[in-house]
C-alpha atoms as a PDB file:
ATOM      1  CA  UNK A   1      32.466  -4.633 -56.934  1.00  0.00           C
ATOM      2  CA  UNK A   2      34.852  -4.594 -59.831  1.00  0.00           C
ATOM      3  CA  UNK A   3      37.592  -2.450 -61.302  1.00  0.00           C
ATOM      4  CA  UNK A   4      34.958  -0.532 -63.264  1.00  0.00           C
ATOM      5  CA  UNK A   5      33.745   0.924 -59.937  1.00  0.00           C
ATOM      6  CA  UNK A   6      37.214   2.115 -58.937  1.00  0.00           C
ATOM      7  CA  UNK A   7      36.933   5.799 -59.988  1.00  0.00           C
ATOM      8  CA  UNK A   8      33.814   6.258 -57.827  1.00  0.00           C
ATOM      9  CA  UNK A   9      35.247   4.188 -54.952  1.00  0.00           C
ATOM     10  CA  UNK A  10      38.430   6.247 -55.061  1.00  0.00           C
ATOM     11  CA  UNK A  11      36.408   9.479 -54.947  1.00  0.00           C
ATOM     12  CA  UNK A  12      34.485   8.263 -51.889  1.00  0.00           C
ATOM     13  CA  UNK A  13      37.769   7.222 -50.268  1.00  0.00           C
ATOM     14  CA  UNK A  14      39.146  10.701 -51.033  1.00  0.00           C
ATOM     15  CA  UNK A  15      36.125  12.223 -49.261  1.00  0.00           C
ATOM     16  CA  UNK A  16      36.871   9.994 -46.270  1.00  0.00           C
ATOM     17  CA  UNK A  17      40.520  11.074 -46.235  1.00  0.00           C
ATOM     18  CA  UNK A  18      39.399  14.720 -46.311  1.00  0.00           C
ATOM     19  CA  UNK A  19      37.427  14.314 -43.069  1.00  0.00           C
ATOM     20  CA  UNK A  20      40.654  13.712 -41.151  1.00  0.00           C
ATOM     21  CA  UNK A  21      39.074  10.943 -39.076  1.00  0.00           C
ATOM     22  CA  UNK A  22      38.431   8.051 -41.440  1.00  0.00           C
ATOM     23  CA  UNK A  23      41.931   6.739 -42.142  1.00  0.00           C
ATOM     24  CA  UNK A  24      45.624   7.367 -41.570  1.00  0.00           C
ATOM     25  CA  UNK A  25      46.095   7.252 -45.344  1.00  0.00           C
ATOM     26  CA  UNK A  26      46.789  10.535 -47.106  1.00  0.00           C
ATOM     27  CA  UNK A  27      46.799   9.317 -50.707  1.00  0.00           C
ATOM     28  CA  UNK A  28      44.418   7.219 -52.722  1.00  0.00           C
ATOM     29  CA  UNK A  29      46.150   4.005 -53.774  1.00  0.00           C
ATOM     30  CA  UNK A  30      46.092   2.672 -57.301  1.00  0.00           C
ATOM     31  CA  UNK A  31      43.429   0.093 -58.008  1.00  0.00           C
ATOM     32  CA  UNK A  32      46.148  -2.551 -58.236  1.00  0.00           C
ATOM     33  CA  UNK A  33      47.416  -1.730 -54.739  1.00  0.00           C
ATOM     34  CA  UNK A  34      43.902  -1.531 -53.282  1.00  0.00           C
ATOM     35  CA  UNK A  35      42.974  -4.809 -54.973  1.00  0.00           C
ATOM     36  CA  UNK A  36      46.055  -6.542 -53.548  1.00  0.00           C
ATOM     37  CA  UNK A  37      45.209  -5.423 -50.002  1.00  0.00           C
ATOM     38  CA  UNK A  38      41.519  -6.418 -49.932  1.00  0.00           C
ATOM     39  CA  UNK A  39      39.868  -9.832 -49.818  1.00  0.00           C
ATOM     40  CA  UNK A  40      38.240 -10.505 -53.187  1.00  0.00           C
ATOM     41  CA  UNK A  41      35.127 -12.336 -51.963  1.00  0.00           C
ATOM     42  CA  UNK A  42      33.997  -9.621 -49.548  1.00  0.00           C
ATOM     43  CA  UNK A  43      33.723  -6.393 -51.517  1.00  0.00           C
ATOM     44  CA  UNK A  44      30.455  -4.534 -51.862  1.00  0.00           C
ATOM     45  CA  UNK A  45      29.164  -1.372 -53.463  1.00  0.00           C
ATOM     46  CA  UNK A  46      25.923   0.455 -52.806  1.00  0.00           C
ATOM     47  CA  UNK A  47      24.400   1.841 -55.986  1.00  0.00           C
ATOM     48  CA  UNK A  48      21.910   4.680 -56.204  1.00  0.00           C
ATOM     49  CA  UNK A  49      20.725   5.589 -59.693  1.00  0.00           C
ATOM     50  CA  UNK A  50      23.705   3.669 -61.113  1.00  0.00           C
ATOM     51  CA  UNK A  51      26.131   5.753 -59.026  1.00  0.00           C
ATOM     52  CA  UNK A  52      28.219   4.316 -56.216  1.00  0.00           C
ATOM     53  CA  UNK A  53      27.035   5.816 -52.925  1.00  0.00           C
ATOM     54  CA  UNK A  54      29.196   3.669 -50.661  1.00  0.00           C
ATOM     55  CA  UNK A  55      31.463   0.673 -50.458  1.00  0.00           C
ATOM     56  CA  UNK A  56      32.630  -1.927 -47.979  1.00  0.00           C
ATOM     57  CA  UNK A  57      35.473  -4.422 -48.088  1.00  0.00           C
ATOM     58  CA  UNK A  58      37.567  -6.671 -45.876  1.00  0.00           C
ATOM     59  CA  UNK A  59      41.333  -6.862 -45.468  1.00  0.00           C
ATOM     60  CA  UNK A  60      43.280  -9.700 -43.881  1.00  0.00           C
ATOM     61  CA  UNK A  61      44.653  -8.853 -40.430  1.00  0.00           C
ATOM     62  CA  UNK A  62      47.623 -11.210 -40.742  1.00  0.00           C
ATOM     63  CA  UNK A  63      49.290 -13.615 -43.120  1.00  0.00           C
ATOM     64  CA  UNK A  64      49.472 -16.252 -40.388  1.00  0.00           C
ATOM     65  CA  UNK A  65      47.042 -19.110 -40.977  1.00  0.00           C
ATOM     66  CA  UNK A  66      45.683 -18.995 -37.419  1.00  0.00           C
ATOM     67  CA  UNK A  67      44.135 -15.602 -38.285  1.00  0.00           C
ATOM     68  CA  UNK A  68      42.616 -16.817 -41.541  1.00  0.00           C
ATOM     69  CA  UNK A  69      39.088 -16.217 -40.267  1.00  0.00           C
ATOM     70  CA  UNK A  70      39.732 -12.711 -38.957  1.00  0.00           C
ATOM     71  CA  UNK A  71      39.375  -9.632 -41.166  1.00  0.00           C
ATOM     72  CA  UNK A  72      39.458  -5.843 -40.879  1.00  0.00           C
ATOM     73  CA  UNK A  73      36.423  -3.856 -42.020  1.00  0.00           C
ATOM     74  CA  UNK A  74      36.601  -0.850 -44.344  1.00  0.00           C
ATOM     75  CA  UNK A  75      33.372   1.000 -45.008  1.00  0.00           C
ATOM     76  CA  UNK A  76      33.036   4.366 -46.711  1.00  0.00           C
ATOM     77  CA  UNK A  77      29.938   6.336 -47.638  1.00  0.00           C
ATOM     78  CA  UNK A  78      29.814   9.161 -50.181  1.00  0.00           C
ATOM     79  CA  UNK A  79      29.467  12.547 -48.536  1.00  0.00           C
ATOM     80  CA  UNK A  80      26.139  13.179 -50.258  1.00  0.00           C
ATOM     81  CA  UNK A  81      24.763   9.820 -49.073  1.00  0.00           C
ATOM     82  CA  UNK A  82      25.740   9.954 -45.391  1.00  0.00           C
ATOM     83  CA  UNK A  83      22.976   9.575 -42.844  1.00  0.00           C
ATOM     84  CA  UNK A  84      20.666   7.645 -45.191  1.00  0.00           C
ATOM     85  CA  UNK A  85      21.222   4.167 -43.732  1.00  0.00           C
ATOM     86  CA  UNK A  86      23.485   2.997 -46.555  1.00  0.00           C
ATOM     87  CA  UNK A  87      26.306   2.202 -44.137  1.00  0.00           C
ATOM     88  CA  UNK A  88      24.108  -0.155 -42.123  1.00  0.00           C
ATOM     89  CA  UNK A  89      22.853  -1.923 -45.252  1.00  0.00           C
ATOM     90  CA  UNK A  90      26.429  -2.387 -46.468  1.00  0.00           C
ATOM     91  CA  UNK A  91      27.553  -3.605 -43.051  1.00  0.00           C
ATOM     92  CA  UNK A  92      24.756  -6.184 -42.845  1.00  0.00           C
ATOM     93  CA  UNK A  93      25.620  -7.482 -46.319  1.00  0.00           C
ATOM     94  CA  UNK A  94      29.335  -7.486 -45.490  1.00  0.00           C
ATOM     95  CA  UNK A  95      28.684  -9.526 -42.344  1.00  0.00           C
ATOM     96  CA  UNK A  96      26.650 -12.051 -44.345  1.00  0.00           C
ATOM     97  CA  UNK A  97      29.307 -12.248 -47.090  1.00  0.00           C
ATOM     98  CA  UNK A  98      32.059 -12.671 -44.500  1.00  0.00           C
ATOM     99  CA  UNK A  99      30.237 -15.535 -42.799  1.00  0.00           C
ATOM    100  CA  UNK A 100      29.568 -17.203 -46.149  1.00  0.00           C
ATOM    101  CA  UNK A 101      33.320 -16.968 -46.786  1.00  0.00           C
ATOM    102  CA  UNK A 102      34.155 -18.538 -43.408  1.00  0.00           C
ATOM    103  CA  UNK A 103      35.210 -15.501 -41.383  1.00  0.00           C
ATOM    104  CA  UNK A 104      34.518 -15.797 -37.660  1.00  0.00           C
ATOM    105  CA  UNK A 105      35.718 -12.374 -36.505  1.00  0.00           C
ATOM    106  CA  UNK A 106      35.461  -8.912 -38.011  1.00  0.00           C
ATOM    107  CA  UNK A 107      37.386  -6.077 -36.440  1.00  0.00           C
ATOM    108  CA  UNK A 108      37.694  -2.335 -36.873  1.00  0.00           C
ATOM    109  CA  UNK A 109      40.028   0.352 -35.608  1.00  0.00           C
ATOM    110  CA  UNK A 110      38.160   3.663 -35.578  1.00  0.00           C
ATOM    111  CA  UNK A 111      39.236   7.184 -34.718  1.00  0.00           C
ATOM    112  CA  UNK A 112      37.272   8.267 -31.606  1.00  0.00           C
ATOM    113  CA  UNK A 113      36.099  11.379 -33.502  1.00  0.00           C
ATOM    114  CA  UNK A 114      34.314   9.206 -36.064  1.00  0.00           C
ATOM    115  CA  UNK A 115      31.059   9.011 -34.096  1.00  0.00           C
ATOM    116  CA  UNK A 116      29.016   7.842 -37.098  1.00  0.00           C
ATOM    117  CA  UNK A 117      31.280   4.830 -37.647  1.00  0.00           C
ATOM    118  CA  UNK A 118      31.216   3.956 -33.949  1.00  0.00           C
ATOM    119  CA  UNK A 119      27.405   4.097 -33.912  1.00  0.00           C
ATOM    120  CA  UNK A 120      27.252   1.977 -37.080  1.00  0.00           C
ATOM    121  CA  UNK A 121      29.498  -0.705 -35.609  1.00  0.00           C
ATOM    122  CA  UNK A 122      27.543  -0.792 -32.354  1.00  0.00           C
ATOM    123  CA  UNK A 123      24.237  -1.057 -34.240  1.00  0.00           C
ATOM    124  CA  UNK A 124      25.645  -3.942 -36.298  1.00  0.00           C
ATOM    125  CA  UNK A 125      26.571  -5.929 -33.177  1.00  0.00           C
ATOM    126  CA  UNK A 126      30.242  -5.051 -32.808  1.00  0.00           C
ATOM    127  CA  UNK A 127      31.522  -4.719 -29.260  1.00  0.00           C
ATOM    128  CA  UNK A 128      33.963  -2.173 -27.937  1.00  0.00           C
ATOM    129  CA  UNK A 129      37.290  -3.796 -27.000  1.00  0.00           C
ATOM    130  CA  UNK A 130      39.377  -0.854 -25.913  1.00  0.00           C
ATOM    131  CA  UNK A 131      41.381   2.141 -26.929  1.00  0.00           C
ATOM    132  CA  UNK A 132      44.884   2.243 -28.326  1.00  0.00           C
ATOM    133  CA  UNK A 133      46.419   5.576 -27.374  1.00  0.00           C
ATOM    134  CA  UNK A 134      48.680   7.491 -29.721  1.00  0.00           C
ATOM    135  CA  UNK A 135      48.757   4.590 -32.173  1.00  0.00           C
ATOM    136  CA  UNK A 136      49.935   6.754 -35.072  1.00  0.00           C
ATOM    137  CA  UNK A 137      50.307  10.276 -36.359  1.00  0.00           C
ATOM    138  CA  UNK A 138      48.168  12.069 -38.891  1.00  0.00           C
ATOM    139  CA  UNK A 139      49.489  15.416 -40.082  1.00  0.00           C
ATOM    140  CA  UNK A 140      51.866  15.484 -37.119  1.00  0.00           C
ATOM    141  CA  UNK A 141      49.129  14.881 -34.538  1.00  0.00           C
ATOM    142  CA  UNK A 142      49.037  11.695 -32.480  1.00  0.00           C
ATOM    143  CA  UNK A 143      45.762   9.810 -32.943  1.00  0.00           C
ATOM    144  CA  UNK A 144      44.020   7.214 -30.808  1.00  0.00           C
ATOM    145  CA  UNK A 145      42.087   4.261 -32.177  1.00  0.00           C
ATOM    146  CA  UNK A 146      39.099   2.585 -30.594  1.00  0.00           C
ATOM    147  CA  UNK A 147      38.826  -1.122 -31.329  1.00  0.00           C
ATOM    148  CA  UNK A 148      35.612  -2.956 -32.159  1.00  0.00           C
ATOM    149  CA  UNK A 149      35.022  -6.613 -32.955  1.00  0.00           C
ATOM    150  CA  UNK A 150      32.148  -8.812 -34.023  1.00  0.00           C
ATOM    151  CA  UNK A 151      32.245 -12.568 -33.501  1.00  0.00           C
ATOM    152  CA  UNK A 152      30.058 -14.614 -35.798  1.00  0.00           C
ATOM    153  CA  UNK A 153      27.281 -16.582 -34.178  1.00  0.00           C
ATOM    154  CA  UNK A 154      27.399 -19.192 -36.980  1.00  0.00           C
ATOM    155  CA  UNK A 155      31.078 -19.497 -38.011  1.00  0.00           C
ATOM    156  CA  UNK A 156      33.820 -20.685 -35.677  1.00  0.00           C
ATOM    157  CA  UNK A 157      31.483 -21.767 -32.899  1.00  0.00           C
ATOM    158  CA  UNK A 158      32.474 -25.425 -32.794  1.00  0.00           C
END
């Protein structure tokens, strides 16, 4: 993934925002802001006929060094490419890239309405941790978040 992909990534992110259950964000950030908030070694795009059909990236969960091996998953699939297995392929590659980079835990906060994302995380070996009730508002409506985590079987096991 590079800055050249940003217009297509931003469009896919916009489609996610439009669903109302992919993110609390309402605006697409600039590439500079997005770049600053995502880990550079764990960014992936799925290409179909030279077009981006999905993307995945990691964000740090904390600036504290003790959490240096823990990251938050972002994964977005273009509306036209949903249901084709692209999300699972991206997730598998993201897991591999994260382990190569030394991450021992991946986590996700998902809106309960986002059934496809929940199924994807479960299929990829994430476990359900719990539900945070009324964690934030979206368009004036309180939203819950369900929490999922995946511990690496090869990193951080010593």
